[in-house]
Amino acid sequence: MKISYKKLFKLLIDRQLTRKQLCEMTKISDATMAKLGKGGNVNTEILLRICMALNCDICDIMEVESNI
């Protein structure tokens, strides 16, 4: 099982926001954004900042995908 942030990137497209704009809104680094793009592990504080900036719930930006 792994974490997928595809929902986050779809949400950005729907709201016409770039990854760079999200970084600026949430004060997260480019390295953290790269981790999100690769489905890597990020701190829950980062996820909460994203949710607050986008006014959404955690389930709106991530999901668990099975390896099957």
PDB file of N, CA and C in Angstrom:
ATOM      1  N   MET A   1       0.841  -1.180   0.000  1.00  0.00           N
ATOM      2  CA  MET A   1       0.000   0.000   0.000  1.00  0.00           C
ATOM      3  C   MET A   1       0.884   1.239   0.000  1.00  0.00           C
ATOM      4  N   LYS A   2       0.408   2.272  -0.675  1.00  0.00           N
ATOM      5  CA  LYS A   2       1.150   3.521  -0.704  1.00  0.00           C
ATOM      6  C   LYS A   2       0.188   4.702  -0.748  1.00  0.00           C
ATOM      7  N   ILE A   3       0.719   5.853  -0.401  1.00  0.00           N
ATOM      8  CA  ILE A   3      -0.065   7.084  -0.406  1.00  0.00           C
ATOM      9  C   ILE A   3       0.010   7.714  -1.792  1.00  0.00           C
ATOM     10  N   SER A   4      -1.120   8.196  -2.266  1.00  0.00           N
ATOM     11  CA  SER A   4      -1.176   8.898  -3.540  1.00  0.00           C
ATOM     12  C   SER A   4      -1.718  10.304  -3.302  1.00  0.00           C
ATOM     13  N   TYR A   5      -1.072  11.276  -3.939  1.00  0.00           N
ATOM     14  CA  TYR A   5      -1.513  12.671  -3.842  1.00  0.00           C
ATOM     15  C   TYR A   5      -2.123  13.146  -5.156  1.00  0.00           C
ATOM     16  N   LYS A   6      -2.591  12.219  -5.974  1.00  0.00           N
ATOM     17  CA  LYS A   6      -3.211  12.570  -7.253  1.00  0.00           C
ATOM     18  C   LYS A   6      -4.402  13.504  -7.055  1.00  0.00           C
ATOM     19  N   LYS A   7      -5.138  13.284  -5.977  1.00  0.00           N
ATOM     20  CA  LYS A   7      -6.294  14.141  -5.688  1.00  0.00           C
ATOM     21  C   LYS A   7      -5.862  15.586  -5.470  1.00  0.00           C
ATOM     22  N   LEU A   8      -4.715  15.774  -4.823  1.00  0.00           N
ATOM     23  CA  LEU A   8      -4.204  17.127  -4.599  1.00  0.00           C
ATOM     24  C   LEU A   8      -3.930  17.817  -5.924  1.00  0.00           C
ATOM     25  N   PHE A   9      -3.259  17.123  -6.822  1.00  0.00           N
ATOM     26  CA  PHE A   9      -2.890  17.751  -8.090  1.00  0.00           C
ATOM     27  C   PHE A   9      -4.104  17.980  -8.984  1.00  0.00           C
ATOM     28  N   LYS A  10      -5.101  17.129  -8.881  1.00  0.00           N
ATOM     29  CA  LYS A  10      -6.353  17.361  -9.610  1.00  0.00           C
ATOM     30  C   LYS A  10      -7.061  18.590  -9.037  1.00  0.00           C
ATOM     31  N   LEU A  11      -7.051  18.711  -7.717  1.00  0.00           N
ATOM     32  CA  LEU A  11      -7.664  19.866  -7.059  1.00  0.00           C
ATOM     33  C   LEU A  11      -6.979  21.168  -7.486  1.00  0.00           C
ATOM     34  N   LEU A  12      -5.661  21.129  -7.602  1.00  0.00           N
ATOM     35  CA  LEU A  12      -4.935  22.309  -8.065  1.00  0.00           C
ATOM     36  C   LEU A  12      -5.355  22.687  -9.479  1.00  0.00           C
ATOM     37  N   ILE A  13      -5.493  21.703 -10.344  1.00  0.00           N
ATOM     38  CA  ILE A  13      -5.939  21.961 -11.717  1.00  0.00           C
ATOM     39  C   ILE A  13      -7.339  22.553 -11.712  1.00  0.00           C
ATOM     40  N   ASP A  14      -8.235  21.949 -10.930  1.00  0.00           N
ATOM     41  CA  ASP A  14      -9.622  22.428 -10.862  1.00  0.00           C
ATOM     42  C   ASP A  14      -9.700  23.877 -10.379  1.00  0.00           C
ATOM     43  N   ARG A  15      -8.793  24.244  -9.481  1.00  0.00           N
ATOM     44  CA  ARG A  15      -8.802  25.604  -8.923  1.00  0.00           C
ATOM     45  C   ARG A  15      -7.857  26.545  -9.671  1.00  0.00           C
ATOM     46  N   GLN A  16      -7.282  26.052 -10.737  1.00  0.00           N
ATOM     47  CA  GLN A  16      -6.366  26.830 -11.579  1.00  0.00           C
ATOM     48  C   GLN A  16      -5.206  27.404 -10.778  1.00  0.00           C
ATOM     49  N   LEU A  17      -4.608  26.540  -9.961  1.00  0.00           N
ATOM     50  CA  LEU A  17      -3.440  26.908  -9.166  1.00  0.00           C
ATOM     51  C   LEU A  17      -2.242  26.085  -9.631  1.00  0.00           C
ATOM     52  N   THR A  18      -1.070  26.674  -9.561  1.00  0.00           N
ATOM     53  CA  THR A  18       0.145  25.942  -9.890  1.00  0.00           C
ATOM     54  C   THR A  18       0.769  25.384  -8.620  1.00  0.00           C
ATOM     55  N   ARG A  19       1.707  24.457  -8.795  1.00  0.00           N
ATOM     56  CA  ARG A  19       2.430  23.917  -7.647  1.00  0.00           C
ATOM     57  C   ARG A  19       3.207  25.035  -6.964  1.00  0.00           C
ATOM     58  N   LYS A  20       3.766  25.923  -7.745  1.00  0.00           N
ATOM     59  CA  LYS A  20       4.530  27.053  -7.199  1.00  0.00           C
ATOM     60  C   LYS A  20       3.632  27.940  -6.334  1.00  0.00           C
ATOM     61  N   GLN A  21       2.415  28.198  -6.804  1.00  0.00           N
ATOM     62  CA  GLN A  21       1.481  29.012  -6.018  1.00  0.00           C
ATOM     63  C   GLN A  21       1.138  28.324  -4.705  1.00  0.00           C
ATOM     64  N   LEU A  22       0.960  27.007  -4.753  1.00  0.00           N
ATOM     65  CA  LEU A  22       0.668  26.265  -3.523  1.00  0.00           C
ATOM     66  C   LEU A  22       1.842  26.369  -2.557  1.00  0.00           C
ATOM     67  N   CYS A  23       3.060  26.256  -3.067  1.00  0.00           N
ATOM     68  CA  CYS A  23       4.246  26.403  -2.213  1.00  0.00           C
ATOM     69  C   CYS A  23       4.253  27.762  -1.528  1.00  0.00           C
ATOM     70  N   GLU A  24       3.933  28.795  -2.277  1.00  0.00           N
ATOM     71  CA  GLU A  24       3.915  30.145  -1.714  1.00  0.00           C
ATOM     72  C   GLU A  24       2.803  30.316  -0.686  1.00  0.00           C
ATOM     73  N   MET A  25       1.638  29.746  -0.966  1.00  0.00           N
ATOM     74  CA  MET A  25       0.497  29.864  -0.052  1.00  0.00           C
ATOM     75  C   MET A  25       0.753  29.154   1.274  1.00  0.00           C
ATOM     76  N   THR A  26       1.462  28.036   1.221  1.00  0.00           N
ATOM     77  CA  THR A  26       1.625  27.175   2.393  1.00  0.00           C
ATOM     78  C   THR A  26       3.003  27.253   3.022  1.00  0.00           C
ATOM     79  N   LYS A  27       3.924  27.986   2.369  1.00  0.00           N
ATOM     80  CA  LYS A  27       5.301  28.106   2.857  1.00  0.00           C
ATOM     81  C   LYS A  27       5.992  26.741   2.920  1.00  0.00           C
ATOM     82  N   ILE A  28       5.736  25.895   1.917  1.00  0.00           N
ATOM     83  CA  ILE A  28       6.440  24.615   1.843  1.00  0.00           C
ATOM     84  C   ILE A  28       7.525  24.715   0.772  1.00  0.00           C
ATOM     85  N   SER A  29       8.543  23.906   0.925  1.00  0.00           N
ATOM     86  CA  SER A  29       9.692  23.982   0.022  1.00  0.00           C
ATOM     87  C   SER A  29       9.424  23.236  -1.285  1.00  0.00           C
ATOM     88  N   ASP A  30      10.265  23.528  -2.268  1.00  0.00           N
ATOM     89  CA  ASP A  30      10.190  22.817  -3.542  1.00  0.00           C
ATOM     90  C   ASP A  30      10.477  21.329  -3.338  1.00  0.00           C
ATOM     91  N   ALA A  31      11.364  21.018  -2.392  1.00  0.00           N
ATOM     92  CA  ALA A  31      11.702  19.618  -2.100  1.00  0.00           C
ATOM     93  C   ALA A  31      10.486  18.862  -1.569  1.00  0.00           C
ATOM     94  N   THR A  32       9.721  19.507  -0.712  1.00  0.00           N
ATOM     95  CA  THR A  32       8.510  18.880  -0.188  1.00  0.00           C
ATOM     96  C   THR A  32       7.490  18.669  -1.296  1.00  0.00           C
ATOM     97  N   MET A  33       7.371  19.649  -2.182  1.00  0.00           N
ATOM     98  CA  MET A  33       6.454  19.509  -3.322  1.00  0.00           C
ATOM     99  C   MET A  33       6.893  18.354  -4.210  1.00  0.00           C
ATOM    100  N   ALA A  34       8.191  18.177  -4.372  1.00  0.00           N
ATOM    101  CA  ALA A  34       8.701  17.064  -5.166  1.00  0.00           C
ATOM    102  C   ALA A  34       8.352  15.728  -4.506  1.00  0.00           C
ATOM    103  N   LYS A  35       8.445  15.675  -3.175  1.00  0.00           N
ATOM    104  CA  LYS A  35       8.061  14.456  -2.447  1.00  0.00           C
ATOM    105  C   LYS A  35       6.586  14.136  -2.686  1.00  0.00           C
ATOM    106  N   LEU A  36       5.754  15.164  -2.641  1.00  0.00           N
ATOM    107  CA  LEU A  36       4.321  14.958  -2.895  1.00  0.00           C
ATOM    108  C   LEU A  36       4.104  14.416  -4.314  1.00  0.00           C
ATOM    109  N   GLY A  37       4.848  14.957  -5.265  1.00  0.00           N
ATOM    110  CA  GLY A  37       4.720  14.521  -6.651  1.00  0.00           C
ATOM    111  C   GLY A  37       5.122  13.076  -6.854  1.00  0.00           C
ATOM    112  N   LYS A  38       6.021  12.586  -6.001  1.00  0.00           N
ATOM    113  CA  LYS A  38       6.498  11.202  -6.103  1.00  0.00           C
ATOM    114  C   LYS A  38       5.778  10.266  -5.137  1.00  0.00           C
ATOM    115  N   GLY A  39       4.805  10.791  -4.406  1.00  0.00           N
ATOM    116  CA  GLY A  39       4.078   9.963  -3.446  1.00  0.00           C
ATOM    117  C   GLY A  39       4.893   9.630  -2.216  1.00  0.00           C
ATOM    118  N   GLY A  40       5.842  10.493  -1.882  1.00  0.00           N
ATOM    119  CA  GLY A  40       6.699  10.259  -0.724  1.00  0.00           C
ATOM    120  C   GLY A  40       6.042  10.644   0.588  1.00  0.00           C
ATOM    121  N   ASN A  41       6.759  10.357   1.655  1.00  0.00           N
ATOM    122  CA  ASN A  41       6.263  10.683   2.987  1.00  0.00           C
ATOM    123  C   ASN A  41       6.512  12.150   3.297  1.00  0.00           C
ATOM    124  N   VAL A  42       5.486  12.817   3.801  1.00  0.00           N
ATOM    125  CA  VAL A  42       5.613  14.201   4.252  1.00  0.00           C
ATOM    126  C   VAL A  42       4.981  14.326   5.627  1.00  0.00           C
ATOM    127  N   ASN A  43       5.416  15.316   6.340  1.00  0.00           N
ATOM    128  CA  ASN A  43       4.938  15.583   7.687  1.00  0.00           C
ATOM    129  C   ASN A  43       3.445  15.923   7.658  1.00  0.00           C
ATOM    130  N   THR A  44       2.727  15.489   8.674  1.00  0.00           N
ATOM    131  CA  THR A  44       1.297  15.785   8.734  1.00  0.00           C
ATOM    132  C   THR A  44       1.034  17.286   8.877  1.00  0.00           C
ATOM    133  N   GLU A  45       1.967  18.018   9.451  1.00  0.00           N
ATOM    134  CA  GLU A  45       1.814  19.468   9.550  1.00  0.00           C
ATOM    135  C   GLU A  45       1.731  20.089   8.152  1.00  0.00           C
ATOM    136  N   ILE A  46       2.524  19.573   7.227  1.00  0.00           N
ATOM    137  CA  ILE A  46       2.493  20.045   5.836  1.00  0.00           C
ATOM    138  C   ILE A  46       1.124  19.776   5.222  1.00  0.00           C
ATOM    139  N   LEU A  47       0.616  18.577   5.439  1.00  0.00           N
ATOM    140  CA  LEU A  47      -0.692  18.210   4.894  1.00  0.00           C
ATOM    141  C   LEU A  47      -1.788  19.110   5.462  1.00  0.00           C
ATOM    142  N   LEU A  48      -1.692  19.425   6.744  1.00  0.00           N
ATOM    143  CA  LEU A  48      -2.684  20.311   7.363  1.00  0.00           C
ATOM    144  C   LEU A  48      -2.594  21.725   6.797  1.00  0.00           C
ATOM    145  N   ARG A  49      -1.379  22.203   6.544  1.00  0.00           N
ATOM    146  CA  ARG A  49      -1.219  23.532   5.938  1.00  0.00           C
ATOM    147  C   ARG A  49      -1.848  23.578   4.556  1.00  0.00           C
ATOM    148  N   ILE A  50      -1.667  22.505   3.795  1.00  0.00           N
ATOM    149  CA  ILE A  50      -2.271  22.430   2.458  1.00  0.00           C
ATOM    150  C   ILE A  50      -3.786  22.454   2.571  1.00  0.00           C
ATOM    151  N   CYS A  51      -4.322  21.660   3.486  1.00  0.00           N
ATOM    152  CA  CYS A  51      -5.778  21.617   3.670  1.00  0.00           C
ATOM    153  C   CYS A  51      -6.327  22.981   4.083  1.00  0.00           C
ATOM    154  N   MET A  52      -5.619  23.671   4.967  1.00  0.00           N
ATOM    155  CA  MET A  52      -6.089  24.984   5.406  1.00  0.00           C
ATOM    156  C   MET A  52      -6.037  25.984   4.247  1.00  0.00           C
ATOM    157  N   ALA A  53      -4.973  25.934   3.457  1.00  0.00           N
ATOM    158  CA  ALA A  53      -4.832  26.874   2.342  1.00  0.00           C
ATOM    159  C   ALA A  53      -5.890  26.631   1.264  1.00  0.00           C
ATOM    160  N   LEU A  54      -6.231  25.369   1.036  1.00  0.00           N
ATOM    161  CA  LEU A  54      -7.202  25.019  -0.003  1.00  0.00           C
ATOM    162  C   LEU A  54      -8.622  24.877   0.538  1.00  0.00           C
ATOM    163  N   ASN A  55      -8.780  25.049   1.854  1.00  0.00           N
ATOM    164  CA  ASN A  55     -10.082  24.922   2.504  1.00  0.00           C
ATOM    165  C   ASN A  55     -10.735  23.589   2.147  1.00  0.00           C
ATOM    166  N   CYS A  56      -9.999  22.510   2.446  1.00  0.00           N
ATOM    167  CA  CYS A  56     -10.507  21.176   2.129  1.00  0.00           C
ATOM    168  C   CYS A  56     -10.143  20.210   3.252  1.00  0.00           C
ATOM    169  N   ASP A  57     -10.583  18.990   3.130  1.00  0.00           N
ATOM    170  CA  ASP A  57     -10.312  17.939   4.102  1.00  0.00           C
ATOM    171  C   ASP A  57      -9.143  17.094   3.604  1.00  0.00           C
ATOM    172  N   ILE A  58      -8.519  16.378   4.500  1.00  0.00           N
ATOM    173  CA  ILE A  58      -7.365  15.550   4.152  1.00  0.00           C
ATOM    174  C   ILE A  58      -7.711  14.516   3.074  1.00  0.00           C
ATOM    175  N   CYS A  59      -8.923  13.993   3.118  1.00  0.00           N
ATOM    176  CA  CYS A  59      -9.325  13.000   2.121  1.00  0.00           C
ATOM    177  C   CYS A  59      -9.510  13.610   0.731  1.00  0.00           C
ATOM    178  N   ASP A  60      -9.532  14.941   0.652  1.00  0.00           N
ATOM    179  CA  ASP A  60      -9.638  15.615  -0.639  1.00  0.00           C
ATOM    180  C   ASP A  60      -8.293  15.739  -1.348  1.00  0.00           C
ATOM    181  N   ILE A  61      -7.187  15.488  -0.618  1.00  0.00           N
ATOM    182  CA  ILE A  61      -5.869  15.660  -1.223  1.00  0.00           C
ATOM    183  C   ILE A  61      -5.040  14.386  -1.291  1.00  0.00           C
ATOM    184  N   MET A  62      -5.457  13.332  -0.609  1.00  0.00           N
ATOM    185  CA  MET A  62      -4.669  12.099  -0.614  1.00  0.00           C
ATOM    186  C   MET A  62      -5.558  10.877  -0.463  1.00  0.00           C
ATOM    187  N   GLU A  63      -4.993   9.742  -0.863  1.00  0.00           N
ATOM    188  CA  GLU A  63      -5.682   8.468  -0.677  1.00  0.00           C
ATOM    189  C   GLU A  63      -4.659   7.353  -0.599  1.00  0.00           C
ATOM    190  N   VAL A  64      -5.071   6.216  -0.077  1.00  0.00           N
ATOM    191  CA  VAL A  64      -4.205   5.051   0.013  1.00  0.00           C
ATOM    192  C   VAL A  64      -4.510   4.149  -1.185  1.00  0.00           C
ATOM    193  N   GLU A  65      -3.454   3.788  -1.909  1.00  0.00           N
ATOM    194  CA  GLU A  65      -3.603   2.873  -3.051  1.00  0.00           C
ATOM    195  C   GLU A  65      -2.988   1.536  -2.693  1.00  0.00           C
ATOM    196  N   SER A  66      -3.666   0.463  -3.049  1.00  0.00           N
ATOM    197  CA  SER A  66      -3.112  -0.867  -2.797  1.00  0.00           C
ATOM    198  C   SER A  66      -2.164  -1.238  -3.933  1.00  0.00           C
ATOM    199  N   ASN A  67      -1.242  -2.117  -3.651  1.00  0.00           N
ATOM    200  CA  ASN A  67      -0.271  -2.562  -4.640  1.00  0.00           C
ATOM    201  C   ASN A  67      -0.795  -3.674  -5.531  1.00  0.00           C
ATOM    202  N   ILE A  68      -2.001  -4.121  -5.275  1.00  0.00           N
ATOM    203  CA  ILE A  68      -2.566  -5.250  -6.016  1.00  0.00           C
ATOM    204  C   ILE A  68      -3.077  -4.810  -7.361  1.00  0.00           C
TER     205      ILE A  68
END
